[in-house]
């Protein structure tokens, strides 16, 4: 069985995925806020 050395895992893929997740989350939050503001302005 291979020995696992603590701290030796390559996390570039996970970091890139998490960065994409944060970017997408910010877009979704911005669109949601924009939609709520639009609805408030048109008295929906």
PDB file of N, CA and C in Angstrom:
ATOM      1  N   UNK A   1       0.839  -1.172   0.000  1.00  0.00           N
ATOM      2  CA  UNK A   1       0.000   0.000   0.000  1.00  0.00           C
ATOM      3  C   UNK A   1       0.894   1.247   0.000  1.00  0.00           C
ATOM      4  N   UNK A   2       0.472   2.275  -0.725  1.00  0.00           N
ATOM      5  CA  UNK A   2       1.269   3.497  -0.821  1.00  0.00           C
ATOM      6  C   UNK A   2       1.191   4.304   0.470  1.00  0.00           C
ATOM      7  N   UNK A   3       2.310   4.864   0.823  1.00  0.00           N
ATOM      8  CA  UNK A   3       2.351   5.734   1.999  1.00  0.00           C
ATOM      9  C   UNK A   3       1.773   7.098   1.646  1.00  0.00           C
ATOM     10  N   UNK A   4       0.973   7.645   2.513  1.00  0.00           N
ATOM     11  CA  UNK A   4       0.402   8.978   2.296  1.00  0.00           C
ATOM     12  C   UNK A   4       1.193   9.985   3.120  1.00  0.00           C
ATOM     13  N   UNK A   5       1.732  10.984   2.444  1.00  0.00           N
ATOM     14  CA  UNK A   5       2.490  12.022   3.135  1.00  0.00           C
ATOM     15  C   UNK A   5       1.563  13.220   3.336  1.00  0.00           C
ATOM     16  N   UNK A   6       1.362  13.592   4.575  1.00  0.00           N
ATOM     17  CA  UNK A   6       0.449  14.691   4.909  1.00  0.00           C
ATOM     18  C   UNK A   6       0.887  15.988   4.220  1.00  0.00           C
ATOM     19  N   UNK A   7      -0.066  16.642   3.549  1.00  0.00           N
ATOM     20  CA  UNK A   7       0.218  17.913   2.887  1.00  0.00           C
ATOM     21  C   UNK A   7       0.783  17.782   1.490  1.00  0.00           C
ATOM     22  N   UNK A   8       0.793  16.586   0.916  1.00  0.00           N
ATOM     23  CA  UNK A   8       1.399  16.408  -0.395  1.00  0.00           C
ATOM     24  C   UNK A   8       0.373  16.341  -1.528  1.00  0.00           C
ATOM     25  N   UNK A   9      -0.904  16.444  -1.212  1.00  0.00           N
ATOM     26  CA  UNK A   9      -1.945  16.342  -2.233  1.00  0.00           C
ATOM     27  C   UNK A   9      -1.963  17.589  -3.117  1.00  0.00           C
ATOM     28  N   UNK A  10      -2.123  17.384  -4.431  1.00  0.00           N
ATOM     29  CA  UNK A  10      -2.229  18.498  -5.368  1.00  0.00           C
ATOM     30  C   UNK A  10      -3.679  18.987  -5.361  1.00  0.00           C
ATOM     31  N   UNK A  11      -3.896  20.214  -4.910  1.00  0.00           N
ATOM     32  CA  UNK A  11      -5.258  20.731  -4.759  1.00  0.00           C
ATOM     33  C   UNK A  11      -5.614  21.783  -5.803  1.00  0.00           C
ATOM     34  N   UNK A  12      -4.837  21.883  -6.881  1.00  0.00           N
ATOM     35  CA  UNK A  12      -5.117  22.902  -7.900  1.00  0.00           C
ATOM     36  C   UNK A  12      -6.499  22.748  -8.519  1.00  0.00           C
ATOM     37  N   UNK A  13      -6.889  21.505  -8.794  1.00  0.00           N
ATOM     38  CA  UNK A  13      -8.201  21.272  -9.416  1.00  0.00           C
ATOM     39  C   UNK A  13      -9.321  21.668  -8.455  1.00  0.00           C
ATOM     40  N   UNK A  14      -9.191  21.292  -7.190  1.00  0.00           N
ATOM     41  CA  UNK A  14     -10.210  21.637  -6.207  1.00  0.00           C
ATOM     42  C   UNK A  14     -10.300  23.152  -6.031  1.00  0.00           C
ATOM     43  N   UNK A  15      -9.148  23.830  -5.999  1.00  0.00           N
ATOM     44  CA  UNK A  15      -9.146  25.283  -5.832  1.00  0.00           C
ATOM     45  C   UNK A  15      -9.805  25.969  -7.020  1.00  0.00           C
ATOM     46  N   UNK A  16      -9.537  25.479  -8.223  1.00  0.00           N
ATOM     47  CA  UNK A  16     -10.138  26.056  -9.422  1.00  0.00           C
ATOM     48  C   UNK A  16     -11.658  25.826  -9.422  1.00  0.00           C
ATOM     49  N   UNK A  17     -12.087  24.639  -9.013  1.00  0.00           N
ATOM     50  CA  UNK A  17     -13.516  24.337  -8.932  1.00  0.00           C
ATOM     51  C   UNK A  17     -14.195  25.238  -7.913  1.00  0.00           C
ATOM     52  N   UNK A  18     -13.569  25.420  -6.754  1.00  0.00           N
ATOM     53  CA  UNK A  18     -14.141  26.267  -5.714  1.00  0.00           C
ATOM     54  C   UNK A  18     -14.220  27.719  -6.179  1.00  0.00           C
ATOM     55  N   UNK A  19     -13.203  28.188  -6.903  1.00  0.00           N
ATOM     56  CA  UNK A  19     -13.214  29.546  -7.444  1.00  0.00           C
ATOM     57  C   UNK A  19     -14.390  29.718  -8.413  1.00  0.00           C
ATOM     58  N   UNK A  20     -14.627  28.727  -9.254  1.00  0.00           N
ATOM     59  CA  UNK A  20     -15.766  28.771 -10.171  1.00  0.00           C
ATOM     60  C   UNK A  20     -17.084  28.768  -9.423  1.00  0.00           C
ATOM     61  N   UNK A  21     -17.158  27.976  -8.361  1.00  0.00           N
ATOM     62  CA  UNK A  21     -18.372  27.933  -7.540  1.00  0.00           C
ATOM     63  C   UNK A  21     -18.651  29.291  -6.906  1.00  0.00           C
ATOM     64  N   UNK A  22     -17.609  29.940  -6.372  1.00  0.00           N
ATOM     65  CA  UNK A  22     -17.794  31.259  -5.773  1.00  0.00           C
ATOM     66  C   UNK A  22     -18.226  32.282  -6.810  1.00  0.00           C
ATOM     67  N   UNK A  23     -17.608  32.232  -7.989  1.00  0.00           N
ATOM     68  CA  UNK A  23     -17.962  33.158  -9.059  1.00  0.00           C
ATOM     69  C   UNK A  23     -19.433  32.975  -9.459  1.00  0.00           C
ATOM     70  N   UNK A  24     -19.857  31.731  -9.622  1.00  0.00           N
ATOM     71  CA  UNK A  24     -21.239  31.450  -9.989  1.00  0.00           C
ATOM     72  C   UNK A  24     -22.201  31.902  -8.881  1.00  0.00           C
ATOM     73  N   UNK A  25     -21.817  31.669  -7.634  1.00  0.00           N
ATOM     74  CA  UNK A  25     -22.662  32.076  -6.508  1.00  0.00           C
ATOM     75  C   UNK A  25     -22.848  33.590  -6.476  1.00  0.00           C
ATOM     76  N   UNK A  26     -21.780  34.328  -6.763  1.00  0.00           N
ATOM     77  CA  UNK A  26     -21.882  35.791  -6.788  1.00  0.00           C
ATOM     78  C   UNK A  26     -22.809  36.253  -7.910  1.00  0.00           C
ATOM     79  N   UNK A  27     -22.729  35.629  -9.067  1.00  0.00           N
ATOM     80  CA  UNK A  27     -23.624  35.970 -10.179  1.00  0.00           C
ATOM     81  C   UNK A  27     -25.077  35.693  -9.803  1.00  0.00           C
ATOM     82  N   UNK A  28     -25.342  34.551  -9.213  1.00  0.00           N
ATOM     83  CA  UNK A  28     -26.711  34.195  -8.823  1.00  0.00           C
ATOM     84  C   UNK A  28     -27.244  35.177  -7.777  1.00  0.00           C
ATOM     85  N   UNK A  29     -26.413  35.522  -6.804  1.00  0.00           N
ATOM     86  CA  UNK A  29     -26.833  36.474  -5.774  1.00  0.00           C
ATOM     87  C   UNK A  29     -27.107  37.837  -6.393  1.00  0.00           C
ATOM     88  N   UNK A  30     -26.261  38.280  -7.301  1.00  0.00           N
ATOM     89  CA  UNK A  30     -26.458  39.562  -7.971  1.00  0.00           C
ATOM     90  C   UNK A  30     -27.727  39.590  -8.800  1.00  0.00           C
ATOM     91  N   UNK A  31     -27.990  38.512  -9.518  1.00  0.00           N
ATOM     92  CA  UNK A  31     -29.213  38.439 -10.316  1.00  0.00           C
ATOM     93  C   UNK A  31     -30.442  38.436  -9.413  1.00  0.00           C
ATOM     94  N   UNK A  32     -30.375  37.726  -8.298  1.00  0.00           N
ATOM     95  CA  UNK A  32     -31.499  37.688  -7.370  1.00  0.00           C
ATOM     96  C   UNK A  32     -31.775  39.077  -6.789  1.00  0.00           C
ATOM     97  N   UNK A  33     -30.728  39.788  -6.380  1.00  0.00           N
ATOM     98  CA  UNK A  33     -30.897  41.138  -5.845  1.00  0.00           C
ATOM     99  C   UNK A  33     -31.443  42.057  -6.930  1.00  0.00           C
ATOM    100  N   UNK A  34     -30.896  41.959  -8.132  1.00  0.00           N
ATOM    101  CA  UNK A  34     -31.390  42.779  -9.242  1.00  0.00           C
ATOM    102  C   UNK A  34     -32.855  42.515  -9.536  1.00  0.00           C
ATOM    103  N   UNK A  35     -33.252  41.259  -9.498  1.00  0.00           N
ATOM    104  CA  UNK A  35     -34.660  40.907  -9.729  1.00  0.00           C
ATOM    105  C   UNK A  35     -35.551  41.489  -8.647  1.00  0.00           C
ATOM    106  N   UNK A  36     -35.117  41.397  -7.395  1.00  0.00           N
ATOM    107  CA  UNK A  36     -35.914  41.959  -6.302  1.00  0.00           C
ATOM    108  C   UNK A  36     -36.041  43.468  -6.423  1.00  0.00           C
ATOM    109  N   UNK A  37     -34.969  44.144  -6.797  1.00  0.00           N
ATOM    110  CA  UNK A  37     -35.030  45.598  -6.983  1.00  0.00           C
ATOM    111  C   UNK A  37     -35.977  45.940  -8.132  1.00  0.00           C
ATOM    112  N   UNK A  38     -35.884  45.194  -9.236  1.00  0.00           N
ATOM    113  CA  UNK A  38     -36.774  45.417 -10.369  1.00  0.00           C
ATOM    114  C   UNK A  38     -38.230  45.243  -9.960  1.00  0.00           C
ATOM    115  N   UNK A  39     -38.516  44.181  -9.227  1.00  0.00           N
ATOM    116  CA  UNK A  39     -39.896  43.938  -8.776  1.00  0.00           C
ATOM    117  C   UNK A  39     -40.382  45.048  -7.854  1.00  0.00           C
ATOM    118  N   UNK A  40     -39.511  45.565  -7.012  1.00  0.00           N
ATOM    119  CA  UNK A  40     -39.889  46.653  -6.112  1.00  0.00           C
ATOM    120  C   UNK A  40     -40.165  47.930  -6.910  1.00  0.00           C
ATOM    121  N   UNK A  41     -39.398  48.178  -7.964  1.00  0.00           N
ATOM    122  CA  UNK A  41     -39.581  49.394  -8.759  1.00  0.00           C
ATOM    123  C   UNK A  41     -40.855  49.368  -9.599  1.00  0.00           C
ATOM    124  N   UNK A  42     -41.266  48.192 -10.032  1.00  0.00           N
ATOM    125  CA  UNK A  42     -42.486  48.110 -10.850  1.00  0.00           C
ATOM    126  C   UNK A  42     -43.708  47.762  -9.996  1.00  0.00           C
ATOM    127  N   UNK A  43     -43.562  47.820  -8.695  1.00  0.00           N
ATOM    128  CA  UNK A  43     -44.660  47.576  -7.739  1.00  0.00           C
ATOM    129  C   UNK A  43     -45.347  46.232  -7.965  1.00  0.00           C
ATOM    130  N   UNK A  44     -44.557  45.200  -8.082  1.00  0.00           N
ATOM    131  CA  UNK A  44     -45.135  43.864  -8.308  1.00  0.00           C
ATOM    132  C   UNK A  44     -45.719  43.305  -7.030  1.00  0.00           C
TER     133      UNK A  44
END
